[in-house]
């Protein structure tokens, strides 16, 4: 019995090595889809459309200003 405890400790220490575990890059690289992904896509699309409309309105205003002069 006295020999069993040191032997168990020795086996436990031998099981722990200094070798670092391999990085799990594949698990970190995979992205899980969330319910808000579609909402974010719609929001970005709306921002893009608004930017196009603002650019067109600015161009139309500039054309009107140039025509007045």
PDB file of N, CA and C in Angstrom:
ATOM      1  N   UNK A   1       0.820  -1.179   0.000  1.00  0.00           N
ATOM      2  CA  UNK A   1       0.000   0.000   0.000  1.00  0.00           C
ATOM      3  C   UNK A   1       0.873   1.255   0.000  1.00  0.00           C
ATOM      4  N   UNK A   2       1.993   1.197   0.737  1.00  0.00           N
ATOM      5  CA  UNK A   2       2.873   2.347   0.789  1.00  0.00           C
ATOM      6  C   UNK A   2       3.520   2.595  -0.572  1.00  0.00           C
ATOM      7  N   UNK A   3       3.704   1.575  -1.337  1.00  0.00           N
ATOM      8  CA  UNK A   3       4.317   1.695  -2.655  1.00  0.00           C
ATOM      9  C   UNK A   3       3.311   2.182  -3.697  1.00  0.00           C
ATOM     10  N   UNK A   4       2.044   1.963  -3.460  1.00  0.00           N
ATOM     11  CA  UNK A   4       1.006   2.306  -4.417  1.00  0.00           C
ATOM     12  C   UNK A   4       0.826   3.820  -4.567  1.00  0.00           C
ATOM     13  N   UNK A   5       0.873   4.577  -3.483  1.00  0.00           N
ATOM     14  CA  UNK A   5       0.681   6.030  -3.544  1.00  0.00           C
ATOM     15  C   UNK A   5       1.813   6.713  -4.316  1.00  0.00           C
ATOM     16  N   UNK A   6       3.078   6.445  -4.033  1.00  0.00           N
ATOM     17  CA  UNK A   6       4.139   7.086  -4.835  1.00  0.00           C
ATOM     18  C   UNK A   6       4.095   6.653  -6.306  1.00  0.00           C
ATOM     19  N   UNK A   7       3.725   5.408  -6.550  1.00  0.00           N
ATOM     20  CA  UNK A   7       3.632   4.926  -7.920  1.00  0.00           C
ATOM     21  C   UNK A   7       2.513   5.667  -8.671  1.00  0.00           C
ATOM     22  N   UNK A   8       1.385   5.907  -8.018  1.00  0.00           N
ATOM     23  CA  UNK A   8       0.285   6.626  -8.638  1.00  0.00           C
ATOM     24  C   UNK A   8       0.689   8.078  -8.911  1.00  0.00           C
ATOM     25  N   UNK A   9       1.400   8.691  -7.970  1.00  0.00           N
ATOM     26  CA  UNK A   9       1.874  10.065  -8.185  1.00  0.00           C
ATOM     27  C   UNK A   9       2.866  10.112  -9.336  1.00  0.00           C
ATOM     28  N   UNK A  10       3.750   9.147  -9.422  1.00  0.00           N
ATOM     29  CA  UNK A  10       4.732   9.096 -10.499  1.00  0.00           C
ATOM     30  C   UNK A  10       4.047   8.936 -11.856  1.00  0.00           C
ATOM     31  N   UNK A  11       3.040   8.095 -11.924  1.00  0.00           N
ATOM     32  CA  UNK A  11       2.298   7.925 -13.176  1.00  0.00           C
ATOM     33  C   UNK A  11       1.521   9.191 -13.552  1.00  0.00           C
ATOM     34  N   UNK A  12       0.982   9.879 -12.554  1.00  0.00           N
ATOM     35  CA  UNK A  12       0.255  11.114 -12.832  1.00  0.00           C
ATOM     36  C   UNK A  12       1.202  12.182 -13.366  1.00  0.00           C
ATOM     37  N   UNK A  13       2.392  12.287 -12.793  1.00  0.00           N
ATOM     38  CA  UNK A  13       3.372  13.254 -13.266  1.00  0.00           C
ATOM     39  C   UNK A  13       3.910  12.877 -14.638  1.00  0.00           C
ATOM     40  N   UNK A  14       4.054  11.603 -14.904  1.00  0.00           N
ATOM     41  CA  UNK A  14       4.551  11.169 -16.207  1.00  0.00           C
ATOM     42  C   UNK A  14       3.517  11.456 -17.296  1.00  0.00           C
ATOM     43  N   UNK A  15       2.258  11.442 -16.935  1.00  0.00           N
ATOM     44  CA  UNK A  15       1.203  11.731 -17.898  1.00  0.00           C
ATOM     45  C   UNK A  15       1.180  13.192 -18.311  1.00  0.00           C
ATOM     46  N   UNK A  16       1.676  14.056 -17.459  1.00  0.00           N
ATOM     47  CA  UNK A  16       1.730  15.487 -17.770  1.00  0.00           C
ATOM     48  C   UNK A  16       3.083  15.784 -18.411  1.00  0.00           C
ATOM     49  N   UNK A  17       3.072  16.100 -19.663  1.00  0.00           N
ATOM     50  CA  UNK A  17       4.325  16.409 -20.338  1.00  0.00           C
ATOM     51  C   UNK A  17       4.427  17.906 -20.577  1.00  0.00           C
ATOM     52  N   UNK A  18       5.582  18.368 -20.945  1.00  0.00           N
ATOM     53  CA  UNK A  18       5.803  19.784 -21.223  1.00  0.00           C
ATOM     54  C   UNK A  18       5.410  20.152 -22.644  1.00  0.00           C
ATOM     55  N   UNK A  19       5.038  19.171 -23.405  1.00  0.00           N
ATOM     56  CA  UNK A  19       4.664  19.412 -24.791  1.00  0.00           C
ATOM     57  C   UNK A  19       3.342  20.174 -24.834  1.00  0.00           C
ATOM     58  N   UNK A  20       3.336  21.291 -25.588  1.00  0.00           N
ATOM     59  CA  UNK A  20       2.129  22.103 -25.706  1.00  0.00           C
ATOM     60  C   UNK A  20       1.116  21.380 -26.597  1.00  0.00           C
ATOM     61  N   UNK A  21      -0.154  21.541 -26.310  1.00  0.00           N
ATOM     62  CA  UNK A  21      -1.167  20.906 -27.162  1.00  0.00           C
ATOM     63  C   UNK A  21      -1.194  21.573 -28.532  1.00  0.00           C
ATOM     64  N   UNK A  22      -1.605  20.817 -29.511  1.00  0.00           N
ATOM     65  CA  UNK A  22      -1.691  21.347 -30.871  1.00  0.00           C
ATOM     66  C   UNK A  22      -2.809  22.379 -30.943  1.00  0.00           C
ATOM     67  N   UNK A  23      -2.554  23.484 -31.626  1.00  0.00           N
ATOM     68  CA  UNK A  23      -3.612  24.494 -31.728  1.00  0.00           C
ATOM     69  C   UNK A  23      -4.778  23.971 -32.547  1.00  0.00           C
ATOM     70  N   UNK A  24      -5.949  24.356 -32.156  1.00  0.00           N
ATOM     71  CA  UNK A  24      -7.158  23.911 -32.850  1.00  0.00           C
ATOM     72  C   UNK A  24      -7.653  25.045 -33.731  1.00  0.00           C
ATOM     73  N   UNK A  25      -6.893  25.317 -34.776  1.00  0.00           N
ATOM     74  CA  UNK A  25      -7.214  26.428 -35.669  1.00  0.00           C
ATOM     75  C   UNK A  25      -8.508  26.166 -36.433  1.00  0.00           C
ATOM     76  N   UNK A  26      -8.792  24.923 -36.735  1.00  0.00           N
ATOM     77  CA  UNK A  26      -9.998  24.624 -37.506  1.00  0.00           C
ATOM     78  C   UNK A  26     -11.254  24.948 -36.709  1.00  0.00           C
ATOM     79  N   UNK A  27     -11.225  24.715 -35.405  1.00  0.00           N
ATOM     80  CA  UNK A  27     -12.395  25.001 -34.592  1.00  0.00           C
ATOM     81  C   UNK A  27     -12.599  26.505 -34.454  1.00  0.00           C
ATOM     82  N   UNK A  28     -11.507  27.260 -34.361  1.00  0.00           N
ATOM     83  CA  UNK A  28     -11.623  28.707 -34.210  1.00  0.00           C
ATOM     84  C   UNK A  28     -11.995  29.366 -35.537  1.00  0.00           C
ATOM     85  N   UNK A  29     -11.609  28.767 -36.647  1.00  0.00           N
ATOM     86  CA  UNK A  29     -11.861  29.368 -37.952  1.00  0.00           C
ATOM     87  C   UNK A  29     -13.326  29.222 -38.363  1.00  0.00           C
ATOM     88  N   UNK A  30     -13.978  28.190 -37.901  1.00  0.00           N
ATOM     89  CA  UNK A  30     -15.367  27.973 -38.277  1.00  0.00           C
ATOM     90  C   UNK A  30     -16.249  28.946 -37.508  1.00  0.00           C
ATOM     91  N   UNK A  31     -17.150  29.599 -38.220  1.00  0.00           N
ATOM     92  CA  UNK A  31     -18.042  30.568 -37.600  1.00  0.00           C
ATOM     93  C   UNK A  31     -19.445  29.995 -37.583  1.00  0.00           C
ATOM     94  N   UNK A  32     -20.069  30.106 -36.449  1.00  0.00           N
ATOM     95  CA  UNK A  32     -21.424  29.593 -36.300  1.00  0.00           C
ATOM     96  C   UNK A  32     -22.393  30.699 -36.705  1.00  0.00           C
ATOM     97  N   UNK A  33     -23.344  30.339 -37.527  1.00  0.00           N
ATOM     98  CA  UNK A  33     -24.344  31.304 -37.980  1.00  0.00           C
ATOM     99  C   UNK A  33     -25.285  31.639 -36.823  1.00  0.00           C
ATOM    100  N   UNK A  34     -25.650  32.916 -36.753  1.00  0.00           N
ATOM    101  CA  UNK A  34     -26.568  33.359 -35.720  1.00  0.00           C
ATOM    102  C   UNK A  34     -27.843  33.903 -36.374  1.00  0.00           C
ATOM    103  N   UNK A  35     -28.893  34.029 -35.606  1.00  0.00           N
ATOM    104  CA  UNK A  35     -30.143  34.564 -36.173  1.00  0.00           C
ATOM    105  C   UNK A  35     -30.009  36.003 -36.634  1.00  0.00           C
ATOM    106  N   UNK A  36     -29.022  36.728 -36.121  1.00  0.00           N
ATOM    107  CA  UNK A  36     -28.867  38.141 -36.459  1.00  0.00           C
ATOM    108  C   UNK A  36     -28.063  38.361 -37.731  1.00  0.00           C
ATOM    109  N   UNK A  37     -27.486  37.323 -38.293  1.00  0.00           N
ATOM    110  CA  UNK A  37     -26.686  37.475 -39.512  1.00  0.00           C
ATOM    111  C   UNK A  37     -27.511  38.048 -40.660  1.00  0.00           C
ATOM    112  N   UNK A  38     -28.718  37.536 -40.835  1.00  0.00           N
ATOM    113  CA  UNK A  38     -29.582  38.038 -41.913  1.00  0.00           C
ATOM    114  C   UNK A  38     -29.962  39.490 -41.667  1.00  0.00           C
ATOM    115  N   UNK A  39     -30.189  39.844 -40.408  1.00  0.00           N
ATOM    116  CA  UNK A  39     -30.534  41.229 -40.092  1.00  0.00           C
ATOM    117  C   UNK A  39     -29.363  42.162 -40.386  1.00  0.00           C
ATOM    118  N   UNK A  40     -28.155  41.724 -40.078  1.00  0.00           N
ATOM    119  CA  UNK A  40     -26.974  42.541 -40.358  1.00  0.00           C
ATOM    120  C   UNK A  40     -26.777  42.702 -41.862  1.00  0.00           C
ATOM    121  N   UNK A  41     -27.036  41.644 -42.618  1.00  0.00           N
ATOM    122  CA  UNK A  41     -26.927  41.732 -44.080  1.00  0.00           C
ATOM    123  C   UNK A  41     -27.944  42.730 -44.631  1.00  0.00           C
ATOM    124  N   UNK A  42     -29.167  42.656 -44.113  1.00  0.00           N
ATOM    125  CA  UNK A  42     -30.208  43.587 -44.564  1.00  0.00           C
ATOM    126  C   UNK A  42     -29.853  45.022 -44.195  1.00  0.00           C
ATOM    127  N   UNK A  43     -29.300  45.204 -43.011  1.00  0.00           N
ATOM    128  CA  UNK A  43     -28.919  46.547 -42.576  1.00  0.00           C
ATOM    129  C   UNK A  43     -27.804  47.107 -43.461  1.00  0.00           C
ATOM    130  N   UNK A  44     -26.823  46.273 -43.782  1.00  0.00           N
ATOM    131  CA  UNK A  44     -25.730  46.728 -44.636  1.00  0.00           C
ATOM    132  C   UNK A  44     -26.237  47.047 -46.043  1.00  0.00           C
ATOM    133  N   UNK A  45     -27.162  46.235 -46.536  1.00  0.00           N
ATOM    134  CA  UNK A  45     -27.741  46.492 -47.859  1.00  0.00           C
ATOM    135  C   UNK A  45     -28.494  47.818 -47.867  1.00  0.00           C
ATOM    136  N   UNK A  46     -29.229  48.098 -46.789  1.00  0.00           N
ATOM    137  CA  UNK A  46     -29.961  49.361 -46.692  1.00  0.00           C
ATOM    138  C   UNK A  46     -28.998  50.544 -46.642  1.00  0.00           C
ATOM    139  N   UNK A  47     -27.893  50.397 -45.944  1.00  0.00           N
ATOM    140  CA  UNK A  47     -26.884  51.465 -45.888  1.00  0.00           C
ATOM    141  C   UNK A  47     -26.278  51.708 -47.270  1.00  0.00           C
ATOM    142  N   UNK A  48     -26.018  50.630 -47.990  1.00  0.00           N
ATOM    143  CA  UNK A  48     -25.454  50.772 -49.336  1.00  0.00           C
ATOM    144  C   UNK A  48     -26.434  51.473 -50.274  1.00  0.00           C
ATOM    145  N   UNK A  49     -27.709  51.098 -50.180  1.00  0.00           N
ATOM    146  CA  UNK A  49     -28.721  51.725 -51.026  1.00  0.00           C
ATOM    147  C   UNK A  49     -28.850  53.204 -50.669  1.00  0.00           C
ATOM    148  N   UNK A  50     -28.837  53.512 -49.371  1.00  0.00           N
ATOM    149  CA  UNK A  50     -28.935  54.909 -48.946  1.00  0.00           C
ATOM    150  C   UNK A  50     -27.754  55.725 -49.451  1.00  0.00           C
ATOM    151  N   UNK A  51     -26.567  55.133 -49.448  1.00  0.00           N
ATOM    152  CA  UNK A  51     -25.381  55.833 -49.949  1.00  0.00           C
ATOM    153  C   UNK A  51     -25.521  56.129 -51.443  1.00  0.00           C
ATOM    154  N   UNK A  52     -26.016  55.163 -52.199  1.00  0.00           N
ATOM    155  CA  UNK A  52     -26.219  55.370 -53.636  1.00  0.00           C
ATOM    156  C   UNK A  52     -27.236  56.489 -53.864  1.00  0.00           C
ATOM    157  N   UNK A  53     -28.329  56.470 -53.108  1.00  0.00           N
ATOM    158  CA  UNK A  53     -29.352  57.508 -53.252  1.00  0.00           C
ATOM    159  C   UNK A  53     -28.799  58.882 -52.882  1.00  0.00           C
ATOM    160  N   UNK A  54     -28.007  58.952 -51.830  1.00  0.00           N
ATOM    161  CA  UNK A  54     -27.409  60.230 -51.432  1.00  0.00           C
ATOM    162  C   UNK A  54     -26.460  60.746 -52.514  1.00  0.00           C
ATOM    163  N   UNK A  55     -25.682  59.849 -53.095  1.00  0.00           N
ATOM    164  CA  UNK A  55     -24.768  60.252 -54.173  1.00  0.00           C
ATOM    165  C   UNK A  55     -25.545  60.763 -55.387  1.00  0.00           C
ATOM    166  N   UNK A  56     -26.624  60.072 -55.729  1.00  0.00           N
ATOM    167  CA  UNK A  56     -27.452  60.501 -56.866  1.00  0.00           C
ATOM    168  C   UNK A  56     -28.120  61.855 -56.584  1.00  0.00           C
ATOM    169  N   UNK A  57     -28.584  62.054 -55.363  1.00  0.00           N
ATOM    170  CA  UNK A  57     -29.221  63.322 -55.001  1.00  0.00           C
ATOM    171  C   UNK A  57     -28.204  64.458 -55.052  1.00  0.00           C
ATOM    172  N   UNK A  58     -26.980  64.198 -54.594  1.00  0.00           N
ATOM    173  CA  UNK A  58     -25.942  65.224 -54.645  1.00  0.00           C
ATOM    174  C   UNK A  58     -25.593  65.562 -56.092  1.00  0.00           C
ATOM    175  N   UNK A  59     -25.516  64.556 -56.934  1.00  0.00           N
ATOM    176  CA  UNK A  59     -25.205  64.793 -58.347  1.00  0.00           C
ATOM    177  C   UNK A  59     -26.335  65.573 -59.017  1.00  0.00           C
ATOM    178  N   UNK A  60     -27.581  65.247 -58.698  1.00  0.00           N
ATOM    179  CA  UNK A  60     -28.726  65.946 -59.270  1.00  0.00           C
ATOM    180  C   UNK A  60     -28.767  67.403 -58.786  1.00  0.00           C
ATOM    181  N   UNK A  61     -28.480  67.637 -57.515  1.00  0.00           N
ATOM    182  CA  UNK A  61     -28.456  69.004 -56.985  1.00  0.00           C
ATOM    183  C   UNK A  61     -27.362  69.814 -57.645  1.00  0.00           C
ATOM    184  N   UNK A  62     -26.191  69.189 -57.847  1.00  0.00           N
ATOM    185  CA  UNK A  62     -25.077  69.887 -58.505  1.00  0.00           C
ATOM    186  C   UNK A  62     -25.462  70.240 -59.947  1.00  0.00           C
ATOM    187  N   UNK A  63     -26.136  69.321 -60.622  1.00  0.00           N
ATOM    188  CA  UNK A  63     -26.557  69.582 -62.001  1.00  0.00           C
ATOM    189  C   UNK A  63     -27.571  70.734 -62.042  1.00  0.00           C
ATOM    190  N   UNK A  64     -28.487  70.776 -61.084  1.00  0.00           N
ATOM    191  CA  UNK A  64     -29.451  71.864 -61.036  1.00  0.00           C
ATOM    192  C   UNK A  64     -28.767  73.205 -60.733  1.00  0.00           C
ATOM    193  N   UNK A  65     -27.824  73.191 -59.823  1.00  0.00           N
ATOM    194  CA  UNK A  65     -27.094  74.404 -59.508  1.00  0.00           C
ATOM    195  C   UNK A  65     -26.288  74.893 -60.701  1.00  0.00           C
ATOM    196  N   UNK A  66     -25.687  73.997 -61.429  1.00  0.00           N
ATOM    197  CA  UNK A  66     -24.913  74.372 -62.613  1.00  0.00           C
ATOM    198  C   UNK A  66     -25.848  74.912 -63.697  1.00  0.00           C
ATOM    199  N   UNK A  67     -27.034  74.357 -63.808  1.00  0.00           N
ATOM    200  CA  UNK A  67     -27.980  74.795 -64.840  1.00  0.00           C
ATOM    201  C   UNK A  67     -28.529  76.191 -64.535  1.00  0.00           C
ATOM    202  N   UNK A  68     -28.649  76.532 -63.265  1.00  0.00           N
ATOM    203  CA  UNK A  68     -29.159  77.840 -62.875  1.00  0.00           C
ATOM    204  C   UNK A  68     -28.176  78.954 -63.195  1.00  0.00           C
ATOM    205  N   UNK A  69     -26.918  78.644 -63.153  1.00  0.00           N
ATOM    206  CA  UNK A  69     -25.899  79.686 -63.372  1.00  0.00           C
ATOM    207  C   UNK A  69     -25.644  79.943 -64.800  1.00  0.00           C
TER     208      UNK A  69
END
